[in-house]
Amino acid sequence: MIKKYWILLLFSFIGCATTTQRKGIYPTITYFVGSTDVAKYKRVAVLPFSDAPYAPQSGQIIQGLTSQILAQLGFEVVERTRLMDILQEQKMDSLGFFDTDQSIKLGKILGVRAVVVGEVGQYMTQQRKTDTTYFPWTNFYTGQTVSIPIQGKQWMESYVSLSLRVLDVETGSLIYSGSGQYSQGLTNPPQQLAENILGGILSKWIISRGIESASEKIGEKQALMSELFNRASEFYKEGKYREAIARWEEVLKLDPDHSLSKEKIKQAKKKLKEKEFEEIKWKD
């Protein structure tokens, strides 16, 4: 029986998207359910996804995230090392270009009931900025007026879209398919957007089975972590580094292994030192 863990995925999806939800931005998910017998396909293999244009290895990233989410949901997912060994033995491409026949053949060799294949349509991050403005300043002694440049804001926006299909190894029929994307670029890291999209896609299939919900306490913890992380990101963007560090440290109290929070704390501490150094220079 699939674990009662899918609701955690939903809470995580909702929590991680807190910043975007405040703006009314959700991923657009489309899906087709060919079979609701989720338990029948407990053992699966996630094949390499095809890369997005100009984003090498994006397919491997999405493949890994998909395998991780399915494992959390209670599926028995074939380990990637085992899969790569089979691909090498069969002299197949590992970049995600599989037709249905190849996918079914691999599934039978691996001894699974279903295979997951997919494509990454977009996986990128772009720098955005506002224009530099000029502030007029007049020298009190000479009367000369000069324009002081004030640099515009800079930030990064991520764009992610992907799709996946679940195929029955015995019949080759389509068990489930789904795709998702955000309608605009967002400041969240692309991996986080991908997790949200995958959560939305896979939850539609799991919900179709009517599986019982998991513990609300676990879901609330994930939602709280996401809220704290996103609030810290907002403080960081506003230059409030102490407040940002405090929120990320609260995330680590809930999950000491949260690597992204650890990295963000290092960045914030570096920015804080630079800011304090500039303040001392102005005082002198």
Protein backbone atom coordinates (compact mmCIF):
# COMPACT_ATOMS: atom_id res chain seq x y z
CA MET A 1 0.00 0.00 0.00
CA ILE A 2 1.30 3.44 -0.87
CA LYS A 3 2.32 5.34 2.26
CA LYS A 4 0.02 7.94 3.73
CA TYR A 5 2.68 10.46 2.88
CA TRP A 6 1.33 12.24 -0.16
CA ILE A 7 -0.25 15.02 1.89
CA LEU A 8 3.25 16.01 3.04
CA LEU A 9 4.07 16.63 -0.58
CA LEU A 10 1.00 18.83 -0.89
CA PHE A 11 1.87 20.82 2.23
CA SER A 12 5.44 21.18 0.98
CA PHE A 13 4.16 22.33 -2.39
CA ILE A 14 1.88 24.88 -0.76
CA GLY A 15 4.49 26.00 1.75
CA CYS A 16 7.38 26.38 -0.69
CA ALA A 17 5.21 28.49 -2.95
CA THR A 18 4.18 30.87 -0.17
CA THR A 19 5.88 33.93 -1.68
CA THR A 20 4.32 33.38 -5.09
CA GLN A 21 0.92 32.54 -3.64
CA ARG A 22 0.76 35.95 -2.00
CA LYS A 23 0.91 37.35 -5.51
CA GLY A 24 -1.71 34.84 -6.69
CA ILE A 25 0.81 32.87 -8.73
CA TYR A 26 0.43 29.09 -8.91
CA PRO A 27 1.85 26.59 -11.39
CA THR A 28 -0.52 25.63 -14.16
CA ILE A 29 -0.98 21.84 -14.08
CA THR A 30 -2.61 19.75 -16.81
CA TYR A 31 -2.99 15.99 -16.46
CA PHE A 32 -4.61 12.81 -17.71
CA VAL A 33 -5.42 9.80 -15.51
CA GLY A 34 -5.42 6.49 -17.36
CA SER A 35 -5.49 4.32 -14.25
CA THR A 36 -6.19 5.10 -10.59
CA ASP A 37 -4.75 1.79 -9.40
CA VAL A 38 -1.66 3.44 -7.94
CA ALA A 39 -0.80 0.49 -5.67
CA LYS A 40 -0.47 -1.81 -8.70
CA TYR A 41 2.48 0.25 -9.92
CA LYS A 42 4.36 0.47 -6.65
CA ARG A 43 7.68 -0.58 -8.23
CA VAL A 44 8.78 1.96 -10.85
CA ALA A 45 11.82 3.16 -12.74
CA VAL A 46 12.35 6.83 -13.51
CA LEU A 47 14.21 7.12 -16.81
CA PRO A 48 16.39 10.14 -17.61
CA PHE A 49 14.35 13.16 -18.69
CA SER A 50 15.39 15.01 -21.83
CA ASP A 51 17.22 18.28 -21.12
CA ALA A 52 15.72 21.70 -21.61
CA PRO A 53 17.31 23.83 -24.38
CA TYR A 54 20.56 25.45 -23.18
CA ALA A 55 20.25 23.66 -19.83
CA PRO A 56 22.53 20.59 -19.86
CA GLN A 57 21.88 18.11 -17.02
CA SER A 58 18.48 19.67 -16.28
CA GLY A 59 16.97 16.30 -17.22
CA GLN A 60 19.08 14.56 -14.59
CA ILE A 61 18.02 17.11 -11.98
CA ILE A 62 14.32 16.54 -12.70
CA GLN A 63 14.87 12.77 -12.85
CA GLY A 64 16.42 12.90 -9.38
CA LEU A 65 13.64 15.06 -7.96
CA THR A 66 10.98 12.80 -9.44
CA SER A 67 12.64 9.70 -7.97
CA GLN A 68 12.93 11.41 -4.58
CA ILE A 69 9.27 12.45 -4.48
CA LEU A 70 8.04 9.04 -5.61
CA ALA A 71 10.21 7.35 -2.95
CA GLN A 72 8.73 9.66 -0.30
CA LEU A 73 5.29 8.64 -1.49
CA GLY A 74 6.13 5.00 -0.84
CA PHE A 75 7.02 3.81 -4.34
CA GLU A 76 9.92 1.41 -4.81
CA VAL A 77 12.14 3.35 -7.21
CA VAL A 78 15.02 1.66 -9.04
CA GLU A 79 18.32 3.20 -7.99
CA ARG A 80 19.95 5.42 -10.57
CA THR A 81 23.23 3.47 -10.53
CA ARG A 82 21.34 0.29 -11.41
CA LEU A 83 19.50 2.10 -14.18
CA MET A 84 22.70 3.56 -15.66
CA ASP A 85 24.34 0.12 -15.65
CA ILE A 86 21.44 -1.29 -17.67
CA LEU A 87 21.55 1.63 -20.10
CA GLN A 88 25.25 1.01 -20.63
CA GLU A 89 24.73 -2.71 -21.11
CA GLN A 90 21.96 -2.08 -23.64
CA LYS A 91 24.05 0.65 -25.33
CA MET A 92 21.22 3.16 -24.92
CA ASP A 93 21.49 6.93 -24.68
CA SER A 94 21.34 8.25 -21.11
CA LEU A 95 20.21 11.77 -22.13
CA GLY A 96 16.49 11.07 -22.00
CA PHE A 97 15.56 10.36 -25.63
CA PHE A 98 13.47 7.17 -25.28
CA ASP A 99 10.59 6.05 -27.44
CA THR A 100 7.81 3.92 -26.01
CA ASP A 101 9.31 0.61 -27.15
CA GLN A 102 12.70 1.40 -25.58
CA SER A 103 11.04 2.50 -22.34
CA ILE A 104 8.98 -0.71 -22.11
CA LYS A 105 12.06 -2.82 -22.89
CA LEU A 106 14.01 -1.14 -20.09
CA GLY A 107 11.13 -1.56 -17.69
CA LYS A 108 10.97 -5.30 -18.34
CA ILE A 109 14.72 -5.70 -17.86
CA LEU A 110 14.52 -3.77 -14.58
CA GLY A 111 11.57 -5.85 -13.39
CA VAL A 112 9.23 -2.91 -12.68
CA ARG A 113 5.51 -2.47 -13.26
CA ALA A 114 5.80 1.04 -14.67
CA VAL A 115 8.34 3.47 -16.10
CA VAL A 116 8.34 7.26 -15.81
CA VAL A 117 9.62 9.26 -18.78
CA GLY A 118 9.57 12.99 -19.36
CA GLU A 119 10.94 16.18 -20.82
CA VAL A 120 12.16 19.45 -19.35
CA GLY A 121 10.82 22.27 -21.47
CA GLN A 122 12.50 25.13 -19.64
CA TYR A 123 15.02 25.32 -16.79
CA MET A 124 16.82 28.63 -16.55
CA THR A 125 17.67 31.64 -14.42
CA GLN A 126 18.02 35.18 -15.76
CA GLN A 127 19.25 38.38 -14.16
CA ARG A 128 16.77 41.24 -14.05
CA LYS A 129 17.37 44.85 -13.02
CA THR A 130 15.78 48.27 -12.93
CA ASP A 131 17.43 51.23 -14.64
CA THR A 132 20.00 53.43 -12.91
CA THR A 133 18.55 56.74 -11.74
CA TYR A 134 20.43 60.00 -11.26
CA PHE A 135 20.00 62.22 -8.22
CA PRO A 136 20.92 65.91 -8.63
CA TRP A 137 23.25 67.26 -5.94
CA THR A 138 24.39 70.86 -5.65
CA ASN A 139 27.71 71.81 -4.07
CA PHE A 140 26.90 74.40 -1.37
CA TYR A 141 30.20 76.26 -1.83
CA THR A 142 30.56 76.32 -5.63
CA GLY A 143 26.94 76.17 -6.65
CA GLN A 144 27.81 73.44 -9.14
CA THR A 145 25.18 70.74 -9.64
CA VAL A 146 26.17 67.18 -10.45
CA SER A 147 24.17 64.00 -10.98
CA ILE A 148 24.88 61.14 -8.60
CA PRO A 149 24.06 57.72 -10.10
CA ILE A 150 21.91 55.42 -7.96
CA GLN A 151 22.12 51.85 -9.12
CA GLY A 152 18.83 50.12 -9.83
CA LYS A 153 17.72 46.93 -8.12
CA GLN A 154 19.00 43.60 -9.39
CA TRP A 155 17.49 40.18 -8.91
CA MET A 156 17.34 36.72 -10.47
CA GLU A 157 14.24 35.15 -12.02
CA SER A 158 13.75 31.45 -12.67
CA TYR A 159 11.73 29.78 -15.41
CA VAL A 160 10.76 26.09 -15.27
CA SER A 161 8.39 23.89 -17.24
CA LEU A 162 8.29 20.10 -17.47
CA SER A 163 6.13 17.11 -18.32
CA LEU A 164 6.11 13.42 -17.48
CA ARG A 165 4.34 10.19 -18.45
CA VAL A 166 3.88 6.92 -16.55
CA LEU A 167 3.72 3.84 -18.81
CA ASP A 168 2.52 0.32 -17.99
CA VAL A 169 5.41 -2.06 -18.75
CA GLU A 170 3.15 -5.03 -19.55
CA THR A 171 0.73 -3.32 -21.93
CA GLY A 172 2.58 -0.16 -22.95
CA SER A 173 -0.54 1.85 -22.12
CA LEU A 174 -0.46 5.34 -20.64
CA ILE A 175 -1.19 5.17 -16.92
CA TYR A 176 -0.81 8.85 -16.17
CA SER A 177 0.58 12.01 -17.73
CA GLY A 178 1.00 15.55 -16.49
CA SER A 179 2.74 18.80 -17.26
CA GLY A 180 3.24 22.05 -15.42
CA GLN A 181 4.77 25.49 -15.55
CA TYR A 182 4.57 28.96 -14.03
CA SER A 183 3.12 31.75 -16.16
CA GLN A 184 6.04 34.07 -15.39
CA GLY A 185 9.55 34.17 -13.99
CA LEU A 186 9.86 33.94 -10.20
CA THR A 187 12.62 34.72 -7.72
CA ASN A 188 12.57 31.20 -6.24
CA PRO A 189 15.48 28.93 -7.25
CA PRO A 190 14.63 26.79 -10.31
CA GLN A 191 14.95 23.56 -8.30
CA GLN A 192 12.32 24.79 -5.85
CA LEU A 193 9.96 25.66 -8.70
CA ALA A 194 10.56 22.21 -10.21
CA GLU A 195 9.71 20.55 -6.87
CA ASN A 196 6.48 22.55 -6.67
CA ILE A 197 5.50 21.61 -10.21
CA LEU A 198 6.32 17.93 -9.70
CA GLY A 199 4.39 17.98 -6.44
CA GLY A 200 1.38 19.38 -8.24
CA ILE A 201 1.62 16.87 -11.09
CA LEU A 202 2.12 13.73 -9.02
CA SER A 203 -0.42 14.70 -6.36
CA LYS A 204 -3.16 14.70 -9.01
CA TRP A 205 -2.51 11.02 -9.65
CA ILE A 206 -2.25 10.12 -5.97
CA ILE A 207 -5.41 12.04 -5.12
CA SER A 208 -7.27 10.16 -7.82
CA ARG A 209 -6.73 7.02 -5.76
CA GLY A 210 -8.26 8.63 -2.69
CA ILE A 211 -5.39 7.68 -0.41
CA GLU A 212 -5.76 8.72 3.21
CA SER A 213 -4.02 11.89 4.39
CA ALA A 214 -0.89 11.85 6.49
CA SER A 215 -0.28 13.46 9.84
CA GLU A 216 -1.14 17.18 9.88
CA LYS A 217 1.74 17.78 12.24
CA ILE A 218 4.28 16.70 9.63
CA GLY A 219 2.61 18.86 7.03
CA GLU A 220 2.53 21.87 9.34
CA LYS A 221 6.27 21.50 9.97
CA GLN A 222 7.02 21.56 6.25
CA ALA A 223 4.74 24.56 5.74
CA LEU A 224 6.41 26.42 8.61
CA MET A 225 9.89 25.71 7.25
CA SER A 226 8.89 27.02 3.85
CA GLU A 227 7.30 30.13 5.36
CA LEU A 228 10.45 30.88 7.39
CA PHE A 229 12.72 30.29 4.40
CA ASN A 230 10.70 32.55 2.12
CA ARG A 231 10.47 35.28 4.75
CA ALA A 232 14.25 35.09 5.20
CA SER A 233 14.68 35.47 1.44
CA GLU A 234 12.53 38.60 1.50
CA PHE A 235 14.61 40.10 4.33
CA TYR A 236 17.79 39.28 2.41
CA LYS A 237 16.48 41.01 -0.70
CA GLU A 238 15.62 44.08 1.40
CA GLY A 239 19.14 44.18 2.86
CA LYS A 240 17.95 43.13 6.34
CA TYR A 241 20.64 40.49 6.77
CA ARG A 242 20.34 39.98 10.54
CA GLU A 243 16.63 39.26 10.24
CA ALA A 244 17.28 36.91 7.31
CA ILE A 245 19.93 34.98 9.25
CA ALA A 246 17.57 34.62 12.22
CA ARG A 247 14.83 33.09 10.03
CA TRP A 248 17.20 30.67 8.29
CA GLU A 249 18.54 29.60 11.68
CA GLU A 250 14.96 28.80 12.72
CA VAL A 251 14.69 26.57 9.64
CA LEU A 252 17.82 24.73 10.77
CA LYS A 253 16.27 24.15 14.18
CA LEU A 254 13.45 22.30 12.43
CA ASP A 255 15.75 20.55 9.95
CA PRO A 256 19.49 20.64 10.86
CA ASP A 257 20.37 19.14 7.45
CA HIS A 258 18.71 21.87 5.38
CA SER A 259 21.75 22.62 3.19
CA LEU A 260 20.22 25.55 1.31
CA SER A 261 19.58 27.46 4.56
CA LYS A 262 23.17 26.83 5.64
CA GLU A 263 24.46 28.25 2.37
CA LYS A 264 22.13 31.26 2.58
CA ILE A 265 23.34 32.04 6.11
CA LYS A 266 26.94 32.13 4.86
CA GLN A 267 25.96 34.53 2.09
CA ALA A 268 23.99 36.76 4.47
CA LYS A 269 26.85 36.91 6.98
CA LYS A 270 29.22 37.95 4.20
CA LYS A 271 26.82 40.68 3.08
CA LEU A 272 26.38 41.83 6.69
CA LYS A 273 30.14 42.25 7.14
CA GLU A 274 30.35 44.24 3.91
CA LYS A 275 27.47 46.46 5.03
CA GLU A 276 28.99 47.08 8.47
CA PHE A 277 32.34 47.90 6.84
CA GLU A 278 30.69 50.49 4.57
CA GLU A 279 28.90 52.06 7.54
CA ILE A 280 32.20 52.43 9.41
CA LYS A 281 33.79 54.07 6.34
CA TRP A 282 31.00 56.62 6.12
CA LYS A 283 31.31 57.45 9.83
CA ASP A 284 35.05 58.07 9.45
